[in-house]
Amino acid sequence: MKNRLIYFALVMMTAFAVVSCANEEEYGCPPVYGQVYCVNQNPVVGDSLIFKVAIKESGYGIYKAEYKWKVDGKTYKTVKVIDPLSEVPEIGFIATKAGTYRVSMDATFNMSIMLPSGQIVSSASAKEGSVKVLAN
């Protein structure tokens, strides 16, 4: 009887361990971005323009992000290594001429937790934003 009880206990512990491990599986997910927007109100030539990205949904399980910003077709790169989800992606530059500046952002993420598809690299894009800069 004692041997059956021990055997039953071992079977139950093994079953519990298998079920609990299956339920603990987690997947990463990249953030979902909205539109790029300019923080400045009524900028003029010579102002430092700051563009940020609206975040619709924050991601999970990301340890590195590479942001590719385009300002009027010219590409800039910024690599964030430490906890990219703790900050809103942003870029700053000096408005050197009057007119409309169009800004977009694409991101590539290295995941610390794989996606449901099994990938460890993901991407996201923000909708292009713009601001009109006036002459002094």
Foldseek 3Di string as FASTA:
>chain_A
DVVVVVVVVVVVVVVVVVVVVVVPADAWDAWAWEAKDWPDDAAAAFDKIKIWIHTPGHIDQFQKKKKWKAKPRDTDIDIDGHPPRVDTDMDIDGRHDFFKIKMWMKMKTQGNGHHPVRDRIDIYIYHIDMDGHHYD
